[in-house]
PDB file of all heavy atoms in Angstrom:
ATOM      1  N   THR A   1      -5.964  15.807  -1.823  1.00  0.00           N
ATOM      2  CA  THR A   1      -4.661  15.154  -1.763  1.00  0.00           C
ATOM      3  C   THR A   1      -4.311  14.639  -3.154  1.00  0.00           C
ATOM      4  O   THR A   1      -4.828  13.606  -3.587  1.00  0.00           O
ATOM      5  CB  THR A   1      -4.663  13.992  -0.748  1.00  0.00           C
ATOM      6  OG1 THR A   1      -4.961  14.510   0.551  1.00  0.00           O
ATOM      7  CG2 THR A   1      -3.310  13.288  -0.721  1.00  0.00           C
ATOM      8  N   THR A   2      -3.446  15.363  -3.826  1.00  0.00           N
ATOM      9  CA  THR A   2      -3.045  14.946  -5.174  1.00  0.00           C
ATOM     10  C   THR A   2      -1.877  13.968  -5.143  1.00  0.00           C
ATOM     11  O   THR A   2      -1.659  13.217  -6.093  1.00  0.00           O
ATOM     12  CB  THR A   2      -2.664  16.173  -6.021  1.00  0.00           C
ATOM     13  OG1 THR A   2      -1.706  16.965  -5.305  1.00  0.00           O
ATOM     14  CG2 THR A   2      -3.895  17.015  -6.325  1.00  0.00           C
ATOM     15  N   THR A   3      -1.115  13.962  -4.035  1.00  0.00           N
ATOM     16  CA  THR A   3      -0.005  13.027  -3.851  1.00  0.00           C
ATOM     17  C   THR A   3      -0.098  12.425  -2.458  1.00  0.00           C
ATOM     18  O   THR A   3      -0.295  13.156  -1.472  1.00  0.00           O
ATOM     19  CB  THR A   3       1.354  13.735  -3.990  1.00  0.00           C
ATOM     20  OG1 THR A   3       1.459  14.300  -5.292  1.00  0.00           O
ATOM     21  CG2 THR A   3       2.504  12.757  -3.771  1.00  0.00           C
ATOM     22  N   ALA A   4       0.053  11.098  -2.365  1.00  0.00           N
ATOM     23  CA  ALA A   4      -0.013  10.423  -1.072  1.00  0.00           C
ATOM     24  C   ALA A   4       1.077   9.367  -0.970  1.00  0.00           C
ATOM     25  O   ALA A   4       1.443   8.740  -1.959  1.00  0.00           O
ATOM     26  CB  ALA A   4      -1.387   9.778  -0.867  1.00  0.00           C
ATOM     27  N   CYS A   5       1.577   9.190   0.241  1.00  0.00           N
ATOM     28  CA  CYS A   5       2.559   8.149   0.532  1.00  0.00           C
ATOM     29  C   CYS A   5       1.877   7.122   1.423  1.00  0.00           C
ATOM     30  O   CYS A   5       1.679   7.361   2.616  1.00  0.00           O
ATOM     31  CB  CYS A   5       3.784   8.753   1.213  1.00  0.00           C
ATOM     32  SG  CYS A   5       5.217   7.670   1.226  1.00  0.00           S
ATOM     33  N   TYR A   6       1.481   5.990   0.811  1.00  0.00           N
ATOM     34  CA  TYR A   6       0.619   5.011   1.472  1.00  0.00           C
ATOM     35  C   TYR A   6       1.379   3.823   2.070  1.00  0.00           C
ATOM     36  O   TYR A   6       2.243   3.240   1.425  1.00  0.00           O
ATOM     37  CB  TYR A   6      -0.363   4.422   0.455  1.00  0.00           C
ATOM     38  CG  TYR A   6      -1.464   5.322  -0.017  1.00  0.00           C
ATOM     39  CD1 TYR A   6      -1.458   5.821  -1.324  1.00  0.00           C
ATOM     40  CD2 TYR A   6      -2.539   5.648   0.804  1.00  0.00           C
ATOM     41  CE1 TYR A   6      -2.495   6.617  -1.797  1.00  0.00           C
ATOM     42  CE2 TYR A   6      -3.576   6.447   0.340  1.00  0.00           C
ATOM     43  CZ  TYR A   6      -3.559   6.936  -0.956  1.00  0.00           C
ATOM     44  OH  TYR A   6      -4.580   7.717  -1.426  1.00  0.00           O
ATOM     45  N   PHE A   7       1.019   3.447   3.271  1.00  0.00           N
ATOM     46  CA  PHE A   7       1.281   2.115   3.799  1.00  0.00           C
ATOM     47  C   PHE A   7       0.112   1.238   3.370  1.00  0.00           C
ATOM     48  O   PHE A   7      -1.051   1.672   3.448  1.00  0.00           O
ATOM     49  CB  PHE A   7       1.303   2.124   5.323  1.00  0.00           C
ATOM     50  CG  PHE A   7       2.641   2.418   5.938  1.00  0.00           C
ATOM     51  CD1 PHE A   7       3.288   3.618   5.708  1.00  0.00           C
ATOM     52  CD2 PHE A   7       3.233   1.505   6.792  1.00  0.00           C
ATOM     53  CE1 PHE A   7       4.505   3.898   6.283  1.00  0.00           C
ATOM     54  CE2 PHE A   7       4.456   1.773   7.394  1.00  0.00           C
ATOM     55  CZ  PHE A   7       5.100   2.965   7.139  1.00  0.00           C
ATOM     56  N   ALA A   8       0.382   0.005   2.953  1.00  0.00           N
ATOM     57  CA  ALA A   8      -0.678  -0.976   2.717  1.00  0.00           C
ATOM     58  C   ALA A   8      -0.628  -1.983   3.874  1.00  0.00           C
ATOM     59  O   ALA A   8      -0.603  -1.583   5.039  1.00  0.00           O
ATOM     60  CB  ALA A   8      -0.496  -1.638   1.357  1.00  0.00           C
ATOM     61  N   THR A   9      -0.600  -3.283   3.575  1.00  0.00           N
ATOM     62  CA  THR A   9      -0.481  -4.323   4.601  1.00  0.00           C
ATOM     63  C   THR A   9       0.617  -5.299   4.174  1.00  0.00           C
ATOM     64  O   THR A   9       1.319  -5.065   3.197  1.00  0.00           O
ATOM     65  CB  THR A   9      -1.810  -5.094   4.760  1.00  0.00           C
ATOM     66  OG1 THR A   9      -2.084  -5.791   3.529  1.00  0.00           O
ATOM     67  CG2 THR A   9      -2.961  -4.157   5.085  1.00  0.00           C
ATOM     68  N   ILE A  10       0.721  -6.422   4.875  1.00  0.00           N
ATOM     69  CA  ILE A  10       1.732  -7.427   4.516  1.00  0.00           C
ATOM     70  C   ILE A  10       1.322  -8.219   3.285  1.00  0.00           C
ATOM     71  O   ILE A  10       2.123  -8.994   2.760  1.00  0.00           O
ATOM     72  CB  ILE A  10       2.011  -8.393   5.683  1.00  0.00           C
ATOM     73  CG1 ILE A  10       0.776  -9.257   6.006  1.00  0.00           C
ATOM     74  CG2 ILE A  10       2.483  -7.637   6.918  1.00  0.00           C
ATOM     75  CD1 ILE A  10       1.039 -10.366   7.015  1.00  0.00           C
ATOM     76  N   HIS A  11       0.096  -8.043   2.798  1.00  0.00           N
ATOM     77  CA  HIS A  11      -0.440  -8.856   1.707  1.00  0.00           C
ATOM     78  C   HIS A  11      -0.043  -8.265   0.353  1.00  0.00           C
ATOM     79  O   HIS A  11      -0.490  -7.184  -0.019  1.00  0.00           O
ATOM     80  CB  HIS A  11      -1.961  -8.945   1.828  1.00  0.00           C
ATOM     81  CG  HIS A  11      -2.406  -9.355   3.203  1.00  0.00           C
ATOM     82  ND1 HIS A  11      -2.815  -8.436   4.144  1.00  0.00           N
ATOM     83  CD2 HIS A  11      -2.469 -10.579   3.789  1.00  0.00           C
ATOM     84  CE1 HIS A  11      -3.136  -9.072   5.261  1.00  0.00           C
ATOM     85  NE2 HIS A  11      -2.930 -10.367   5.082  1.00  0.00           N
ATOM     86  N   THR A  12       0.785  -8.994  -0.373  1.00  0.00           N
ATOM     87  CA  THR A  12       1.346  -8.486  -1.628  1.00  0.00           C
ATOM     88  C   THR A  12       0.280  -8.216  -2.671  1.00  0.00           C
ATOM     89  O   THR A  12       0.276  -7.151  -3.308  1.00  0.00           O
ATOM     90  CB  THR A  12       2.379  -9.484  -2.189  1.00  0.00           C
ATOM     91  OG1 THR A  12       3.342  -9.759  -1.182  1.00  0.00           O
ATOM     92  CG2 THR A  12       3.074  -8.928  -3.428  1.00  0.00           C
ATOM     93  N   ASP A  13      -0.626  -9.156  -2.873  1.00  0.00           N
ATOM     94  CA  ASP A  13      -1.628  -8.988  -3.929  1.00  0.00           C
ATOM     95  C   ASP A  13      -2.540  -7.797  -3.658  1.00  0.00           C
ATOM     96  O   ASP A  13      -2.871  -7.034  -4.572  1.00  0.00           O
ATOM     97  CB  ASP A  13      -2.450 -10.268  -4.104  1.00  0.00           C
ATOM     98  CG  ASP A  13      -1.629 -11.410  -4.697  1.00  0.00           C
ATOM     99  OD1 ASP A  13      -0.615 -11.134  -5.372  1.00  0.00           O
ATOM    100  OD2 ASP A  13      -1.987 -12.579  -4.470  1.00  0.00           O
ATOM    101  N   ALA A  14      -2.941  -7.639  -2.395  1.00  0.00           N
ATOM    102  CA  ALA A  14      -3.787  -6.489  -2.056  1.00  0.00           C
ATOM    103  C   ALA A  14      -3.016  -5.181  -2.205  1.00  0.00           C
ATOM    104  O   ALA A  14      -3.575  -4.156  -2.612  1.00  0.00           O
ATOM    105  CB  ALA A  14      -4.321  -6.630  -0.633  1.00  0.00           C
ATOM    106  N   SER A  15      -1.720  -5.198  -1.920  1.00  0.00           N
ATOM    107  CA  SER A  15      -0.895  -4.001  -2.069  1.00  0.00           C
ATOM    108  C   SER A  15      -0.749  -3.629  -3.543  1.00  0.00           C
ATOM    109  O   SER A  15      -0.783  -2.451  -3.909  1.00  0.00           O
ATOM    110  CB  SER A  15       0.476  -4.221  -1.433  1.00  0.00           C
ATOM    111  OG  SER A  15       0.352  -4.541  -0.055  1.00  0.00           O
ATOM    112  N   LEU A  16      -0.586  -4.639  -4.392  1.00  0.00           N
ATOM    113  CA  LEU A  16      -0.542  -4.395  -5.842  1.00  0.00           C
ATOM    114  C   LEU A  16      -1.881  -3.860  -6.334  1.00  0.00           C
ATOM    115  O   LEU A  16      -1.930  -2.996  -7.223  1.00  0.00           O
ATOM    116  CB  LEU A  16      -0.182  -5.685  -6.586  1.00  0.00           C
ATOM    117  CG  LEU A  16       1.272  -6.158  -6.421  1.00  0.00           C
ATOM    118  CD1 LEU A  16       1.432  -7.583  -6.944  1.00  0.00           C
ATOM    119  CD2 LEU A  16       2.234  -5.221  -7.135  1.00  0.00           C
ATOM    120  N   LEU A  17      -2.955  -4.346  -5.737  1.00  0.00           N
ATOM    121  CA  LEU A  17      -4.296  -3.861  -6.088  1.00  0.00           C
ATOM    122  C   LEU A  17      -4.438  -2.383  -5.736  1.00  0.00           C
ATOM    123  O   LEU A  17      -5.012  -1.603  -6.502  1.00  0.00           O
ATOM    124  CB  LEU A  17      -5.356  -4.692  -5.351  1.00  0.00           C
ATOM    125  CG  LEU A  17      -6.819  -4.294  -5.540  1.00  0.00           C
ATOM    126  CD1 LEU A  17      -7.236  -4.395  -7.005  1.00  0.00           C
ATOM    127  CD2 LEU A  17      -7.719  -5.179  -4.670  1.00  0.00           C
ATOM    128  N   LEU A  18      -3.891  -1.983  -4.580  1.00  0.00           N
ATOM    129  CA  LEU A  18      -3.930  -0.573  -4.190  1.00  0.00           C
ATOM    130  C   LEU A  18      -3.234   0.293  -5.232  1.00  0.00           C
ATOM    131  O   LEU A  18      -3.747   1.346  -5.625  1.00  0.00           O
ATOM    132  CB  LEU A  18      -3.287  -0.389  -2.818  1.00  0.00           C
ATOM    133  CG  LEU A  18      -3.117   1.054  -2.328  1.00  0.00           C
ATOM    134  CD1 LEU A  18      -4.446   1.803  -2.290  1.00  0.00           C
ATOM    135  CD2 LEU A  18      -2.444   1.081  -0.958  1.00  0.00           C
ATOM    136  N   ALA A  19      -2.083  -0.153  -5.718  1.00  0.00           N
ATOM    137  CA  ALA A  19      -1.363   0.605  -6.749  1.00  0.00           C
ATOM    138  C   ALA A  19      -2.209   0.750  -8.008  1.00  0.00           C
ATOM    139  O   ALA A  19      -2.258   1.821  -8.624  1.00  0.00           O
ATOM    140  CB  ALA A  19      -0.041  -0.080  -7.072  1.00  0.00           C
ATOM    141  N   ASP A  20      -2.906  -0.321  -8.392  1.00  0.00           N
ATOM    142  CA  ASP A  20      -3.783  -0.276  -9.574  1.00  0.00           C
ATOM    143  C   ASP A  20      -4.915   0.731  -9.390  1.00  0.00           C
ATOM    144  O   ASP A  20      -5.252   1.491 -10.302  1.00  0.00           O
ATOM    145  CB  ASP A  20      -4.382  -1.670  -9.834  1.00  0.00           C
ATOM    146  CG  ASP A  20      -3.566  -2.482 -10.820  1.00  0.00           C
ATOM    147  OD1 ASP A  20      -2.842  -1.881 -11.632  1.00  0.00           O
ATOM    148  OD2 ASP A  20      -3.656  -3.720 -10.770  1.00  0.00           O
ATOM    149  N   ILE A  21      -5.515   0.714  -8.207  1.00  0.00           N
ATOM    150  CA  ILE A  21      -6.642   1.611  -7.930  1.00  0.00           C
ATOM    151  C   ILE A  21      -6.189   3.070  -7.965  1.00  0.00           C
ATOM    152  O   ILE A  21      -6.855   3.932  -8.544  1.00  0.00           O
ATOM    153  CB  ILE A  21      -7.274   1.260  -6.564  1.00  0.00           C
ATOM    154  CG1 ILE A  21      -7.986  -0.101  -6.655  1.00  0.00           C
ATOM    155  CG2 ILE A  21      -8.245   2.349  -6.109  1.00  0.00           C
ATOM    156  CD1 ILE A  21      -8.392  -0.678  -5.310  1.00  0.00           C
ATOM    157  N   ILE A  22      -5.047   3.349  -7.365  1.00  0.00           N
ATOM    158  CA  ILE A  22      -4.505   4.713  -7.373  1.00  0.00           C
ATOM    159  C   ILE A  22      -4.271   5.175  -8.799  1.00  0.00           C
ATOM    160  O   ILE A  22      -4.637   6.300  -9.177  1.00  0.00           O
ATOM    161  CB  ILE A  22      -3.196   4.771  -6.564  1.00  0.00           C
ATOM    162  CG1 ILE A  22      -3.467   4.506  -5.086  1.00  0.00           C
ATOM    163  CG2 ILE A  22      -2.503   6.123  -6.749  1.00  0.00           C
ATOM    164  CD1 ILE A  22      -2.226   4.199  -4.280  1.00  0.00           C
ATOM    165  N   ASP A  23      -3.671   4.317  -9.603  1.00  0.00           N
ATOM    166  CA  ASP A  23      -3.407   4.668 -11.002  1.00  0.00           C
ATOM    167  C   ASP A  23      -4.705   4.923 -11.758  1.00  0.00           C
ATOM    168  O   ASP A  23      -4.800   5.864 -12.549  1.00  0.00           O
ATOM    169  CB  ASP A  23      -2.614   3.552 -11.673  1.00  0.00           C
ATOM    170  CG  ASP A  23      -2.337   3.845 -13.140  1.00  0.00           C
ATOM    171  OD1 ASP A  23      -1.572   4.777 -13.425  1.00  0.00           O
ATOM    172  OD2 ASP A  23      -2.901   3.130 -13.998  1.00  0.00           O
ATOM    173  N   LYS A  24      -5.706   4.112 -11.502  1.00  0.00           N
ATOM    174  CA  LYS A  24      -6.999   4.261 -12.183  1.00  0.00           C
ATOM    175  C   LYS A  24      -7.631   5.620 -11.883  1.00  0.00           C
ATOM    176  O   LYS A  24      -8.207   6.261 -12.772  1.00  0.00           O
ATOM    177  CB  LYS A  24      -7.944   3.136 -11.755  1.00  0.00           C
ATOM    178  CG  LYS A  24      -9.322   3.194 -12.408  1.00  0.00           C
ATOM    179  CD  LYS A  24     -10.186   2.016 -11.984  1.00  0.00           C
ATOM    180  CE  LYS A  24     -10.634   2.115 -10.551  1.00  0.00           C
ATOM    181  NZ  LYS A  24     -11.613   1.051 -10.174  1.00  0.00           N
ATOM    182  N   PHE A  25      -7.495   6.071 -10.638  1.00  0.00           N
ATOM    183  CA  PHE A  25      -8.083   7.358 -10.258  1.00  0.00           C
ATOM    184  C   PHE A  25      -7.189   8.533 -10.624  1.00  0.00           C
ATOM    185  O   PHE A  25      -7.623   9.681 -10.546  1.00  0.00           O
ATOM    186  CB  PHE A  25      -8.398   7.379  -8.763  1.00  0.00           C
ATOM    187  CG  PHE A  25      -9.679   6.694  -8.406  1.00  0.00           C
ATOM    188  CD1 PHE A  25      -9.698   5.370  -8.009  1.00  0.00           C
ATOM    189  CD2 PHE A  25     -10.893   7.365  -8.495  1.00  0.00           C
ATOM    190  CE1 PHE A  25     -10.877   4.730  -7.686  1.00  0.00           C
ATOM    191  CE2 PHE A  25     -12.083   6.748  -8.173  1.00  0.00           C
ATOM    192  CZ  PHE A  25     -12.075   5.417  -7.773  1.00  0.00           C
ATOM    193  N   GLY A  26      -5.946   8.269 -10.986  1.00  0.00           N
ATOM    194  CA  GLY A  26      -5.060   9.340 -11.431  1.00  0.00           C
ATOM    195  C   GLY A  26      -4.313  10.060 -10.344  1.00  0.00           C
ATOM    196  O   GLY A  26      -3.723  11.119 -10.578  1.00  0.00           O
ATOM    197  N   GLN A  27      -4.298   9.512  -9.141  1.00  0.00           N
ATOM    198  CA  GLN A  27      -3.559  10.148  -8.055  1.00  0.00           C
ATOM    199  C   GLN A  27      -2.063   9.862  -8.205  1.00  0.00           C
ATOM    200  O   GLN A  27      -1.658   8.867  -8.800  1.00  0.00           O
ATOM    201  CB  GLN A  27      -4.054   9.612  -6.707  1.00  0.00           C
ATOM    202  CG  GLN A  27      -3.599  10.395  -5.485  1.00  0.00           C
ATOM    203  CD  GLN A  27      -4.254   9.887  -4.206  1.00  0.00           C
ATOM    204  OE1 GLN A  27      -4.341   8.679  -3.971  1.00  0.00           O
ATOM    205  NE2 GLN A  27      -4.740  10.795  -3.372  1.00  0.00           N
ATOM    206  N   ARG A  28      -1.251  10.720  -7.679  1.00  0.00           N
ATOM    207  CA  ARG A  28       0.205  10.522  -7.627  1.00  0.00           C
ATOM    208  C   ARG A  28       0.520   9.876  -6.279  1.00  0.00           C
ATOM    209  O   ARG A  28       0.033  10.350  -5.246  1.00  0.00           O
ATOM    210  CB  ARG A  28       0.889  11.879  -7.751  1.00  0.00           C
ATOM    211  CG  ARG A  28       2.374  11.857  -8.045  1.00  0.00           C
ATOM    212  CD  ARG A  28       2.928  13.273  -8.011  1.00  0.00           C
ATOM    213  NE  ARG A  28       2.313  14.170  -8.975  1.00  0.00           N
ATOM    214  CZ  ARG A  28       2.698  14.291 -10.239  1.00  0.00           C
ATOM    215  NH1 ARG A  28       3.708  13.570 -10.695  1.00  0.00           N
ATOM    216  NH2 ARG A  28       2.086  15.149 -11.045  1.00  0.00           N
ATOM    217  N   ALA A  29       1.347   8.827  -6.253  1.00  0.00           N
ATOM    218  CA  ALA A  29       1.522   8.140  -4.973  1.00  0.00           C
ATOM    219  C   ALA A  29       2.763   7.266  -4.912  1.00  0.00           C
ATOM    220  O   ALA A  29       3.309   6.820  -5.928  1.00  0.00           O
ATOM    221  CB  ALA A  29       0.300   7.269  -4.673  1.00  0.00           C
ATOM    222  N   PHE A  30       3.179   7.022  -3.666  1.00  0.00           N
ATOM    223  CA  PHE A  30       4.094   5.949  -3.314  1.00  0.00           C
ATOM    224  C   PHE A  30       3.265   4.915  -2.556  1.00  0.00           C
ATOM    225  O   PHE A  30       2.426   5.283  -1.721  1.00  0.00           O
ATOM    226  CB  PHE A  30       5.220   6.443  -2.417  1.00  0.00           C
ATOM    227  CG  PHE A  30       6.215   7.327  -3.120  1.00  0.00           C
ATOM    228  CD1 PHE A  30       5.971   8.687  -3.267  1.00  0.00           C
ATOM    229  CD2 PHE A  30       7.396   6.798  -3.623  1.00  0.00           C
ATOM    230  CE1 PHE A  30       6.886   9.508  -3.910  1.00  0.00           C
ATOM    231  CE2 PHE A  30       8.320   7.610  -4.271  1.00  0.00           C
ATOM    232  CZ  PHE A  30       8.062   8.970  -4.421  1.00  0.00           C
ATOM    233  N   VAL A  31       3.500   3.633  -2.832  1.00  0.00           N
ATOM    234  CA  VAL A  31       2.750   2.562  -2.176  1.00  0.00           C
ATOM    235  C   VAL A  31       3.728   1.541  -1.613  1.00  0.00           C
ATOM    236  O   VAL A  31       4.644   1.096  -2.317  1.00  0.00           O
ATOM    237  CB  VAL A  31       1.799   1.848  -3.157  1.00  0.00           C
ATOM    238  CG1 VAL A  31       1.006   0.761  -2.433  1.00  0.00           C
ATOM    239  CG2 VAL A  31       0.854   2.840  -3.809  1.00  0.00           C
ATOM    240  N   GLY A  32       3.521   1.158  -0.350  1.00  0.00           N
ATOM    241  CA  GLY A  32       4.417   0.196   0.273  1.00  0.00           C
ATOM    242  C   GLY A  32       3.705  -1.021   0.821  1.00  0.00           C
ATOM    243  O   GLY A  32       2.702  -0.889   1.532  1.00  0.00           O
ATOM    244  N   LYS A  33       4.194  -2.194   0.471  1.00  0.00           N
ATOM    245  CA  LYS A  33       3.780  -3.438   1.124  1.00  0.00           C
ATOM    246  C   LYS A  33       4.486  -3.495   2.475  1.00  0.00           C
ATOM    247  O   LYS A  33       5.708  -3.403   2.559  1.00  0.00           O
ATOM    248  CB  LYS A  33       4.193  -4.647   0.282  1.00  0.00           C
ATOM    249  CG  LYS A  33       3.941  -5.991   0.965  1.00  0.00           C
ATOM    250  CD  LYS A  33       5.022  -6.983   0.602  1.00  0.00           C
ATOM    251  CE  LYS A  33       5.053  -8.176   1.513  1.00  0.00           C
ATOM    252  NZ  LYS A  33       5.283  -7.876   2.943  1.00  0.00           N
ATOM    253  N   VAL A  34       3.744  -3.606   3.541  1.00  0.00           N
ATOM    254  CA  VAL A  34       4.304  -3.582   4.885  1.00  0.00           C
ATOM    255  C   VAL A  34       5.136  -4.839   5.148  1.00  0.00           C
ATOM    256  O   VAL A  34       4.769  -5.944   4.736  1.00  0.00           O
ATOM    257  CB  VAL A  34       3.178  -3.445   5.932  1.00  0.00           C
ATOM    258  CG1 VAL A  34       3.695  -3.685   7.345  1.00  0.00           C
ATOM    259  CG2 VAL A  34       2.532  -2.063   5.835  1.00  0.00           C
ATOM    260  N   CYS A  35       6.260  -4.652   5.840  1.00  0.00           N
ATOM    261  CA  CYS A  35       7.141  -5.767   6.213  1.00  0.00           C
ATOM    262  C   CYS A  35       7.235  -5.851   7.732  1.00  0.00           C
ATOM    263  O   CYS A  35       7.539  -4.855   8.394  1.00  0.00           O
ATOM    264  CB  CYS A  35       8.537  -5.556   5.636  1.00  0.00           C
ATOM    265  SG  CYS A  35       8.581  -5.414   3.845  1.00  0.00           S
ATOM    266  N   MET A  36       6.976  -7.027   8.267  1.00  0.00           N
ATOM    267  CA  MET A  36       7.126  -7.250   9.706  1.00  0.00           C
ATOM    268  C   MET A  36       7.284  -8.747   9.975  1.00  0.00           C
ATOM    269  O   MET A  36       6.462  -9.551   9.533  1.00  0.00           O
ATOM    270  CB  MET A  36       5.947  -6.659  10.495  1.00  0.00           C
ATOM    271  CG  MET A  36       4.569  -6.997   9.984  1.00  0.00           C
ATOM    272  SD  MET A  36       3.263  -5.954  10.711  1.00  0.00           S
ATOM    273  CE  MET A  36       3.404  -6.339  12.451  1.00  0.00           C
ATOM    274  N   ASP A  37       8.361  -9.111  10.669  1.00  0.00           N
ATOM    275  CA  ASP A  37       8.585 -10.517  11.011  1.00  0.00           C
ATOM    276  C   ASP A  37       8.609 -10.735  12.522  1.00  0.00           C
ATOM    277  O   ASP A  37       8.960 -11.813  12.998  1.00  0.00           O
ATOM    278  CB  ASP A  37       9.863 -11.056  10.355  1.00  0.00           C
ATOM    279  CG  ASP A  37      11.115 -10.277  10.733  1.00  0.00           C
ATOM    280  OD1 ASP A  37      10.988  -9.243  11.424  1.00  0.00           O
ATOM    281  OD2 ASP A  37      12.216 -10.693  10.332  1.00  0.00           O
ATOM    282  N   ILE A  38       8.204  -9.710  13.289  1.00  0.00           N
ATOM    283  CA  ILE A  38       7.990  -9.818  14.734  1.00  0.00           C
ATOM    284  C   ILE A  38       6.611  -9.247  15.033  1.00  0.00           C
ATOM    285  O   ILE A  38       6.292  -8.146  14.588  1.00  0.00           O
ATOM    286  CB  ILE A  38       9.024  -9.004  15.541  1.00  0.00           C
ATOM    287  CG1 ILE A  38      10.444  -9.500  15.291  1.00  0.00           C
ATOM    288  CG2 ILE A  38       8.701  -9.067  17.038  1.00  0.00           C
ATOM    289  CD1 ILE A  38      11.506  -8.618  15.953  1.00  0.00           C
ATOM    290  N   ASN A  39       5.788  -9.975  15.759  1.00  0.00           N
ATOM    291  CA  ASN A  39       4.492  -9.446  16.180  1.00  0.00           C
ATOM    292  C   ASN A  39       3.935 -10.303  17.307  1.00  0.00           C
ATOM    293  O   ASN A  39       3.074 -11.154  17.108  1.00  0.00           O
ATOM    294  CB  ASN A  39       3.500  -9.388  15.022  1.00  0.00           C
ATOM    295  CG  ASN A  39       2.269  -8.536  15.358  1.00  0.00           C
ATOM    296  OD1 ASN A  39       2.106  -8.103  16.493  1.00  0.00           O
ATOM    297  ND2 ASN A  39       1.423  -8.293  14.378  1.00  0.00           N
ATOM    298  N   GLU A  40       4.444 -10.078  18.503  1.00  0.00           N
ATOM    299  CA  GLU A  40       4.018 -10.867  19.657  1.00  0.00           C
ATOM    300  C   GLU A  40       2.574 -10.579  20.046  1.00  0.00           C
ATOM    301  O   GLU A  40       1.889 -11.440  20.595  1.00  0.00           O
ATOM    302  CB  GLU A  40       4.952 -10.598  20.840  1.00  0.00           C
ATOM    303  CG  GLU A  40       6.374 -11.082  20.613  1.00  0.00           C
ATOM    304  CD  GLU A  40       7.293 -10.763  21.773  1.00  0.00           C
ATOM    305  OE1 GLU A  40       6.806 -10.167  22.762  1.00  0.00           O
ATOM    306  OE2 GLU A  40       8.497 -11.088  21.699  1.00  0.00           O
ATOM    307  N   SER A  41       2.085  -9.385  19.748  1.00  0.00           N
ATOM    308  CA  SER A  41       0.729  -9.009  20.146  1.00  0.00           C
ATOM    309  C   SER A  41      -0.338  -9.562  19.206  1.00  0.00           C
ATOM    310  O   SER A  41      -1.510  -9.617  19.550  1.00  0.00           O
ATOM    311  CB  SER A  41       0.598  -7.487  20.234  1.00  0.00           C
ATOM    312  OG  SER A  41       0.837  -6.891  18.980  1.00  0.00           O
ATOM    313  N   CYS A  42       0.057  -9.968  17.993  1.00  0.00           N
ATOM    314  CA  CYS A  42      -0.888 -10.551  17.031  1.00  0.00           C
ATOM    315  C   CYS A  42      -0.102 -11.520  16.138  1.00  0.00           C
ATOM    316  O   CYS A  42       0.251 -11.187  15.006  1.00  0.00           O
ATOM    317  CB  CYS A  42      -1.548  -9.454  16.197  1.00  0.00           C
ATOM    318  SG  CYS A  42      -2.860 -10.045  15.093  1.00  0.00           S
TER     319      CYS A  42
END
């Protein structure tokens, strides 16, 4: 997988960390910090 479109989590710092790791390994990617303001199950 040379290009990936990633979901991360709601945690901004960890999502930024994912972008750093991808760049370090040289992969091509889109990275998204997950957004959710409704979650009755959790």
